[in-house]
Amino acid sequence: MSTTPVPYRGRFAPSPTGLLHAGSLVAALASWLDARAHGGAWLVRIEDLDTPRCVPGADHGLLAQLAACGLVSDEPVLWQSTRHDAYQLALDRLVLKGWAYPCGCSRKEIEEALKEQRERHKAAVYPGTCRIGLQGKPARAWRLNLQSVINDLPLSHPTHWQDRRLGAQQQDVVQEVGDFVLRRADGLWAYQLAVVVDDAAQGITHVVRGEDLADNTARQILLQHALGLPTPHYLHTPLVLGADGEKLSKQNGAQALNLSDPLAALNSAAKLLGLETSTSSVQHALLAWTTALANNAALNRWAWPR
């Protein structure tokens, strides 16, 4: 068996629900720098499947913002909205193995079945109501049958992974999430399925993204095993917080980046990553930061192992 290392391939995958804000630039810069420090490729993927939330023109606006900061995809940009057939094929494979089933439950029905107070910012854990059949209800969504996947495959339970920044992580997806959605009741593809299929299709070896997405990792690892796909290395970056202590996001009104001075925006992102600021130019700053990371320089807050 060949021991030749797989070439590094990273990505930045924004949703066009608005333009880049300070938090999303941190993730973009971190992923770009990590790819450059490893001598690898950096790809951009537009995750535009949640069409009700997508803002017309935001996809090209995001790309223009990235370009202004010197962050340009090494390969043609991929739009998830062109990938429906690939997601359907993946779902069909899971159904054929008995690892996915139709669900007729509404959100209200799920919450009423649980009869418990939800933790803040946490979704209700699906109780598996439709796992044994729809019981006369029309199918609304499709879910992953977690217990069947875990029983049929030689998987550790809970799911364990090593985050390059956060260290050893684990999650009991059965108890903390339940059988999660693969295709939504409105017919749209769920994030978890799409991201796993696309990471594999693009040959992504390293995922660098915001810490708010760390909770998705265990679900994605389980799906990767179920679909026979490789698991990338993961690194979750620090979050940019607003004055209220919440993470900056488009949902809570985070302002689009002012890129009249791209270097200033990049310096702000670099500071959160523990990198020295630059007074020269965008190109000089990107080169200097890449060189520092490639040399395994210790950063103020954390280091990126190669």
Protein backbone atom coordinates (compact mmCIF):
# COMPACT_ATOMS: atom_id res chain seq x y z
CA MET A 1 0.00 0.00 0.00
CA SER A 2 1.33 3.45 -0.93
CA THR A 3 2.49 5.69 1.92
CA THR A 4 2.69 8.79 -0.25
CA PRO A 5 0.91 11.60 1.63
CA VAL A 6 -2.25 12.95 0.05
CA PRO A 7 -1.73 16.54 -1.17
CA TYR A 8 -3.37 19.13 1.08
CA ARG A 9 -6.70 20.46 -0.18
CA GLY A 10 -8.63 22.97 1.92
CA ARG A 11 -11.73 25.06 1.36
CA PHE A 12 -13.80 28.02 2.48
CA ALA A 13 -17.53 27.49 2.10
CA PRO A 14 -19.65 30.57 2.83
CA SER A 15 -23.43 30.75 2.53
CA PRO A 16 -24.68 33.69 0.43
CA THR A 17 -27.15 34.87 3.05
CA GLY A 18 -25.25 38.16 3.15
CA LEU A 19 -21.77 39.52 2.66
CA LEU A 20 -18.64 38.63 4.65
CA HIS A 21 -18.45 40.02 8.19
CA ALA A 22 -15.50 40.11 10.57
CA GLY A 23 -16.10 36.58 11.83
CA SER A 24 -16.32 34.99 8.40
CA LEU A 25 -13.11 36.74 7.30
CA VAL A 26 -11.28 35.11 10.21
CA ALA A 27 -12.35 31.67 8.98
CA ALA A 28 -11.51 32.54 5.37
CA LEU A 29 -8.05 33.85 6.25
CA ALA A 30 -7.28 30.90 8.53
CA SER A 31 -8.26 28.35 5.90
CA TRP A 32 -6.31 30.16 3.15
CA LEU A 33 -3.19 30.48 5.31
CA ASP A 34 -3.34 26.86 6.42
CA ALA A 35 -3.50 25.73 2.79
CA ARG A 36 -0.60 27.98 1.80
CA ALA A 37 1.52 26.93 4.80
CA HIS A 38 1.09 23.30 3.74
CA GLY A 39 1.81 24.05 0.07
CA GLY A 40 -1.73 22.96 -0.79
CA ALA A 41 -4.76 24.07 -2.77
CA TRP A 42 -7.47 26.39 -1.43
CA LEU A 43 -10.97 26.10 -2.86
CA VAL A 44 -14.11 28.20 -2.47
CA ARG A 45 -17.54 26.60 -2.40
CA ILE A 46 -20.77 28.61 -2.31
CA GLU A 47 -23.24 26.82 -0.04
CA ASP A 48 -26.44 28.18 -1.56
CA LEU A 49 -28.89 25.35 -0.84
CA ASP A 50 -30.99 27.23 1.73
CA THR A 51 -32.63 29.29 -0.99
CA PRO A 52 -35.17 31.11 1.24
CA ARG A 53 -32.25 32.67 3.16
CA CYS A 54 -29.95 33.39 0.20
CA VAL A 55 -29.63 37.03 -0.82
CA PRO A 56 -29.59 37.65 -4.59
CA GLY A 57 -26.11 38.68 -5.71
CA ALA A 58 -24.48 37.87 -2.36
CA ASP A 59 -22.55 34.96 -3.87
CA HIS A 60 -20.66 37.17 -6.31
CA GLY A 61 -20.37 39.86 -3.63
CA LEU A 62 -18.64 37.36 -1.32
CA LEU A 63 -16.21 36.39 -4.06
CA ALA A 64 -15.42 40.05 -4.75
CA GLN A 65 -14.76 40.66 -1.05
CA LEU A 66 -12.42 37.68 -0.86
CA ALA A 67 -10.58 38.83 -3.98
CA ALA A 68 -10.13 42.31 -2.47
CA CYS A 69 -8.33 40.59 0.42
CA GLY A 70 -6.12 38.55 -1.92
CA LEU A 71 -8.05 35.33 -1.22
CA VAL A 72 -8.85 33.73 -4.59
CA SER A 73 -9.86 30.12 -5.17
CA ASP A 74 -7.22 27.95 -6.84
CA GLU A 75 -9.92 26.11 -8.80
CA PRO A 76 -13.30 27.10 -10.27
CA VAL A 77 -15.79 28.00 -7.56
CA LEU A 78 -18.40 25.29 -6.84
CA TRP A 79 -22.04 26.22 -6.25
CA GLN A 80 -23.99 23.65 -4.24
CA SER A 81 -27.15 24.52 -6.16
CA THR A 82 -25.65 22.64 -9.13
CA ARG A 83 -25.16 19.44 -7.13
CA HIS A 84 -28.68 18.07 -6.53
CA ASP A 85 -28.06 14.82 -8.42
CA ALA A 86 -25.00 14.02 -6.27
CA TYR A 87 -26.98 14.52 -3.06
CA GLN A 88 -29.86 12.36 -4.33
CA LEU A 89 -27.42 9.59 -5.21
CA ALA A 90 -25.96 9.70 -1.70
CA LEU A 91 -29.41 9.55 -0.10
CA ASP A 92 -30.39 6.64 -2.38
CA ARG A 93 -27.30 4.72 -1.21
CA LEU A 94 -28.25 5.22 2.43
CA VAL A 95 -31.85 4.18 1.81
CA LEU A 96 -30.70 1.05 -0.02
CA LYS A 97 -28.63 0.02 3.00
CA GLY A 98 -31.52 0.67 5.37
CA TRP A 99 -29.71 3.61 6.96
CA ALA A 100 -32.19 6.36 6.05
CA TYR A 101 -35.93 6.57 6.47
CA PRO A 102 -38.79 8.99 5.72
CA CYS A 103 -40.12 11.12 8.57
CA GLY A 104 -43.60 12.61 8.82
CA CYS A 105 -43.08 14.62 12.03
CA SER A 106 -43.42 18.39 12.21
CA ARG A 107 -41.16 20.40 14.49
CA LYS A 108 -44.08 21.02 16.82
CA GLU A 109 -44.83 17.30 17.06
CA ILE A 110 -41.21 16.55 17.90
CA GLU A 111 -41.14 19.14 20.68
CA GLU A 112 -44.45 17.94 22.09
CA ALA A 113 -43.14 14.35 22.09
CA LEU A 114 -40.12 15.38 24.10
CA LYS A 115 -42.03 17.39 26.71
CA GLU A 116 -38.84 18.92 28.08
CA GLN A 117 -37.19 22.30 28.12
CA ARG A 118 -34.64 22.73 25.37
CA GLU A 119 -31.18 24.02 26.21
CA ARG A 120 -30.56 27.49 24.80
CA HIS A 121 -29.34 27.40 21.19
CA LYS A 122 -29.81 23.60 21.04
CA ALA A 123 -32.27 21.82 18.77
CA ALA A 124 -34.64 19.26 20.21
CA VAL A 125 -33.26 15.69 20.04
CA TYR A 126 -35.39 13.72 17.61
CA PRO A 127 -37.07 10.85 19.54
CA GLY A 128 -37.12 8.41 16.60
CA THR A 129 -40.90 8.48 16.18
CA CYS A 130 -40.87 7.46 12.49
CA ARG A 131 -37.97 5.02 12.71
CA ILE A 132 -40.43 2.10 12.74
CA GLY A 133 -42.69 3.60 10.07
CA LEU A 134 -44.79 6.62 9.16
CA GLN A 135 -47.92 5.22 10.86
CA GLY A 136 -50.20 6.76 8.27
CA LYS A 137 -48.50 10.16 8.12
CA PRO A 138 -47.23 11.52 4.79
CA ALA A 139 -43.45 11.64 4.42
CA ARG A 140 -42.00 15.10 5.03
CA ALA A 141 -38.25 14.68 5.47
CA TRP A 142 -35.57 11.99 5.34
CA ARG A 143 -33.42 11.13 8.37
CA LEU A 144 -30.30 9.08 9.05
CA ASN A 145 -30.97 5.94 11.09
CA LEU A 146 -28.09 6.40 13.50
CA GLN A 147 -28.51 3.20 15.47
CA SER A 148 -28.55 1.10 12.31
CA VAL A 149 -25.38 2.78 11.04
CA ILE A 150 -23.62 2.30 14.37
CA ASN A 151 -24.78 -1.33 14.64
CA ASP A 152 -23.80 -2.25 11.07
CA LEU A 153 -20.41 -0.52 10.94
CA PRO A 154 -17.39 -0.94 13.24
CA LEU A 155 -17.66 2.55 14.69
CA SER A 156 -16.63 3.87 18.08
CA HIS A 157 -19.49 5.22 20.15
CA PRO A 158 -19.54 8.05 21.13
CA THR A 159 -17.89 9.51 18.04
CA HIS A 160 -14.32 10.69 18.71
CA TRP A 161 -12.11 13.02 16.68
CA GLN A 162 -9.00 15.13 17.19
CA ASP A 163 -9.40 18.83 16.50
CA ARG A 164 -6.13 20.52 15.58
CA ARG A 165 -6.90 23.46 17.86
CA LEU A 166 -9.46 22.22 20.39
CA GLY A 167 -7.81 18.84 21.00
CA ALA A 168 -9.63 15.57 21.70
CA GLN A 169 -13.37 15.82 21.08
CA GLN A 170 -16.30 13.45 21.35
CA GLN A 171 -20.07 13.50 20.95
CA ASP A 172 -22.81 10.93 21.49
CA VAL A 173 -24.86 11.84 18.44
CA VAL A 174 -27.62 9.38 19.31
CA GLN A 175 -28.24 11.01 22.68
CA GLU A 176 -27.37 14.63 21.86
CA VAL A 177 -28.83 14.97 18.36
CA GLY A 178 -30.85 11.93 17.37
CA ASP A 179 -31.59 10.78 13.81
CA PHE A 180 -30.74 13.99 11.98
CA VAL A 181 -32.27 15.28 8.75
CA LEU A 182 -30.72 14.53 5.36
CA ARG A 183 -33.43 16.12 3.24
CA ARG A 184 -35.73 18.72 4.72
CA ALA A 185 -39.51 18.80 4.73
CA ASP A 186 -39.42 21.68 2.22
CA GLY A 187 -37.46 19.50 -0.20
CA LEU A 188 -34.14 21.26 0.35
CA TRP A 189 -31.01 19.26 1.05
CA ALA A 190 -29.70 19.41 4.60
CA TYR A 191 -26.32 20.98 5.27
CA GLN A 192 -24.87 17.82 6.84
CA LEU A 193 -25.39 15.62 3.77
CA ALA A 194 -24.36 18.26 1.23
CA VAL A 195 -21.13 19.24 2.98
CA VAL A 196 -20.01 15.62 3.37
CA VAL A 197 -20.73 14.78 -0.28
CA ASP A 198 -19.00 17.92 -1.56
CA ASP A 199 -15.93 17.65 0.68
CA ALA A 200 -15.37 14.16 -0.71
CA ALA A 201 -16.07 15.17 -4.32
CA GLN A 202 -13.57 18.02 -4.07
CA GLY A 203 -10.96 15.85 -2.34
CA ILE A 204 -10.85 18.05 0.76
CA THR A 205 -8.22 16.79 3.20
CA HIS A 206 -8.32 19.61 5.79
CA VAL A 207 -11.33 21.58 7.00
CA VAL A 208 -10.59 24.89 8.75
CA ARG A 209 -13.77 26.67 9.89
CA GLY A 210 -15.29 28.60 12.78
CA GLU A 211 -15.67 27.04 16.21
CA ASP A 212 -19.45 27.44 15.99
CA LEU A 213 -19.43 24.59 13.45
CA ALA A 214 -17.51 22.16 15.67
CA ASP A 215 -20.79 20.66 16.88
CA ASN A 216 -21.47 19.41 13.33
CA THR A 217 -18.29 17.36 13.11
CA ALA A 218 -19.50 14.14 14.73
CA ARG A 219 -22.56 14.01 12.48
CA GLN A 220 -20.40 14.53 9.42
CA ILE A 221 -17.95 11.82 10.49
CA LEU A 222 -20.80 9.34 10.89
CA LEU A 223 -22.11 10.23 7.44
CA GLN A 224 -18.65 9.88 5.95
CA HIS A 225 -18.42 6.35 7.35
CA ALA A 226 -21.93 5.49 6.18
CA LEU A 227 -21.16 6.66 2.63
CA GLY A 228 -17.67 5.15 2.56
CA LEU A 229 -16.01 8.57 2.26
CA PRO A 230 -12.73 9.79 3.79
CA THR A 231 -12.71 11.94 6.93
CA PRO A 232 -10.71 15.19 6.65
CA HIS A 233 -8.60 16.70 9.42
CA TYR A 234 -10.51 19.40 11.32
CA LEU A 235 -9.44 22.71 12.85
CA HIS A 236 -11.99 25.10 14.37
CA THR A 237 -10.94 28.72 14.67
CA PRO A 238 -11.76 31.22 17.47
CA LEU A 239 -15.01 33.13 17.14
CA VAL A 240 -15.41 36.87 16.81
CA LEU A 241 -17.89 38.01 19.46
CA GLY A 242 -20.15 41.02 19.44
CA ALA A 243 -20.70 43.48 22.29
CA ASP A 244 -23.43 41.18 23.67
CA GLY A 245 -21.02 38.26 23.93
CA GLU A 246 -22.70 36.36 21.11
CA LYS A 247 -20.79 35.28 18.02
CA LEU A 248 -21.01 37.63 15.08
CA SER A 249 -23.36 36.23 12.46
CA LYS A 250 -25.64 37.42 9.70
CA GLN A 251 -28.60 36.20 11.76
CA ASN A 252 -27.85 38.64 14.60
CA GLY A 253 -27.17 41.57 12.32
CA ALA A 254 -23.39 41.45 11.93
CA GLN A 255 -22.33 44.26 9.61
CA ALA A 256 -20.73 43.52 6.27
CA LEU A 257 -17.00 44.17 6.17
CA ASN A 258 -15.83 47.61 5.17
CA LEU A 259 -13.17 46.75 2.62
CA SER A 260 -12.19 50.27 1.67
CA ASP A 261 -8.95 49.25 3.43
CA PRO A 262 -8.54 45.46 2.93
CA LEU A 263 -5.28 45.37 4.90
CA ALA A 264 -6.97 46.79 7.97
CA ALA A 265 -9.68 44.12 7.76
CA LEU A 266 -7.07 41.38 7.34
CA ASN A 267 -5.02 42.72 10.25
CA SER A 268 -8.06 42.54 12.50
CA ALA A 269 -8.62 38.92 11.48
CA ALA A 270 -4.93 38.08 11.88
CA LYS A 271 -4.86 39.56 15.38
CA LEU A 272 -7.55 37.13 16.53
CA LEU A 273 -5.49 34.28 15.06
CA GLY A 274 -2.46 35.38 17.05
CA LEU A 275 -0.54 36.71 14.06
CA GLU A 276 1.47 39.90 13.94
CA THR A 277 -0.17 42.79 12.10
CA SER A 278 1.35 44.22 8.94
CA THR A 279 1.84 47.81 7.80
CA SER A 280 2.96 47.02 4.26
CA SER A 281 0.40 45.62 1.83
CA VAL A 282 -2.16 42.84 1.49
CA GLN A 283 0.24 40.74 -0.57
CA HIS A 284 3.14 41.28 1.87
CA ALA A 285 0.97 40.44 4.87
CA LEU A 286 -0.34 37.21 3.33
CA LEU A 287 3.18 36.13 2.40
CA ALA A 288 4.58 36.94 5.85
CA TRP A 289 1.82 35.09 7.69
CA THR A 290 2.13 32.10 5.38
CA THR A 291 5.87 31.94 5.97
CA ALA A 292 5.40 32.13 9.74
CA LEU A 293 2.92 29.26 9.73
CA ALA A 294 5.00 27.17 7.33
CA ASN A 295 7.89 27.51 9.77
CA ASN A 296 5.65 26.31 12.61
CA ALA A 297 6.04 29.57 14.48
CA ALA A 298 4.34 29.54 17.88
CA LEU A 299 1.34 31.82 17.82
CA ASN A 300 0.08 33.93 20.69
CA ARG A 301 -3.04 31.88 21.30
CA TRP A 302 -2.55 28.56 19.50
CA ALA A 303 -0.39 26.85 16.90
CA TRP A 304 -1.27 24.94 13.75
CA PRO A 305 0.51 21.59 13.60
CA ARG A 306 1.60 20.58 10.12
